[in-house]
């Protein structure tokens, strides 16, 4: 039987895999932590301590995917 941490890590891994299949590095996103910042991704998503995480340009450190929103563009 899996522990809670193992379940969270597996779920985070699956979410990251789905994100990475759909969005490439360089995708335009909005990062919202009270103030919205428009930027782009600079890494693939990965699970960090059971949390789906990604790196963004002009933002220091990893950011949980739950705080970003993909900006739809006409060329998508």
Protein backbone atom coordinates (compact mmCIF):
# COMPACT_ATOMS: atom_id res chain seq x y z
CA UNK A 1 0.00 0.00 0.00
CA UNK A 2 1.33 3.43 -0.97
CA UNK A 3 1.93 6.10 1.63
CA UNK A 4 0.29 9.51 1.31
CA UNK A 5 3.61 10.99 0.19
CA UNK A 6 4.01 8.33 -2.50
CA UNK A 7 0.47 8.99 -3.76
CA UNK A 8 1.09 12.77 -3.86
CA UNK A 9 4.40 12.28 -5.69
CA UNK A 10 2.78 9.97 -8.25
CA UNK A 11 -0.09 12.40 -8.82
CA UNK A 12 2.37 15.30 -9.18
CA UNK A 13 4.45 13.29 -11.66
CA UNK A 14 1.37 12.53 -13.76
CA UNK A 15 0.32 16.18 -13.77
CA UNK A 16 3.85 17.24 -14.80
CA UNK A 17 3.92 14.66 -17.61
CA UNK A 18 0.59 15.96 -18.92
CA UNK A 19 1.79 19.59 -18.70
CA UNK A 20 5.04 18.78 -20.51
CA UNK A 21 3.20 16.95 -23.30
CA UNK A 22 0.91 19.93 -23.87
CA UNK A 23 3.23 22.90 -23.27
CA UNK A 24 6.81 23.42 -24.40
CA UNK A 25 9.57 25.44 -22.75
CA UNK A 26 9.00 29.07 -23.71
CA UNK A 27 5.21 28.96 -23.28
CA UNK A 28 3.74 32.37 -22.35
CA UNK A 29 2.19 32.31 -18.87
CA UNK A 30 0.87 34.57 -16.15
CA UNK A 31 2.25 34.04 -12.64
CA UNK A 32 -0.16 35.17 -9.92
CA UNK A 33 1.04 35.52 -6.34
CA UNK A 34 -1.05 38.59 -5.57
CA UNK A 35 0.46 40.56 -8.45
CA UNK A 36 0.24 39.10 -11.95
CA UNK A 37 3.51 38.82 -13.87
CA UNK A 38 3.53 37.94 -17.58
CA UNK A 39 6.52 35.74 -18.41
CA UNK A 40 7.49 32.47 -20.12
CA UNK A 41 8.48 29.05 -18.88
CA UNK A 42 12.19 28.20 -18.81
CA UNK A 43 11.98 24.53 -17.84
CA UNK A 44 9.81 21.48 -18.10
CA UNK A 45 7.55 20.82 -15.12
CA UNK A 46 8.72 18.39 -12.44
CA UNK A 47 7.47 17.19 -9.04
CA UNK A 48 9.25 18.88 -6.12
CA UNK A 49 8.34 17.31 -2.77
CA UNK A 50 5.04 16.16 -4.27
CA UNK A 51 4.21 19.56 -5.79
CA UNK A 52 4.08 20.08 -9.58
CA UNK A 53 6.68 22.80 -10.15
CA UNK A 54 8.24 24.81 -13.01
CA UNK A 55 10.84 27.51 -13.57
CA UNK A 56 9.84 30.85 -15.11
CA UNK A 57 11.88 33.58 -16.76
CA UNK A 58 12.44 36.64 -14.55
CA UNK A 59 11.23 34.75 -11.45
CA UNK A 60 13.67 33.39 -8.88
CA UNK A 61 13.22 29.78 -7.83
CA UNK A 62 10.69 27.09 -8.68
CA UNK A 63 7.00 27.98 -8.91
CA UNK A 64 4.09 25.60 -8.22
CA UNK A 65 2.00 25.05 -11.36
CA UNK A 66 -1.13 26.04 -9.44
CA UNK A 67 0.05 29.69 -9.52
CA UNK A 68 0.47 29.95 -13.28
CA UNK A 69 -1.98 30.27 -16.16
CA UNK A 70 -1.14 29.72 -19.81
CA UNK A 71 -1.62 32.83 -21.96
CA UNK A 72 -3.44 31.82 -25.13
CA UNK A 73 -1.92 33.30 -28.28
CA UNK A 74 -3.20 33.43 -31.85
CA UNK A 75 -0.43 31.14 -33.10
CA UNK A 76 -1.40 28.22 -30.81
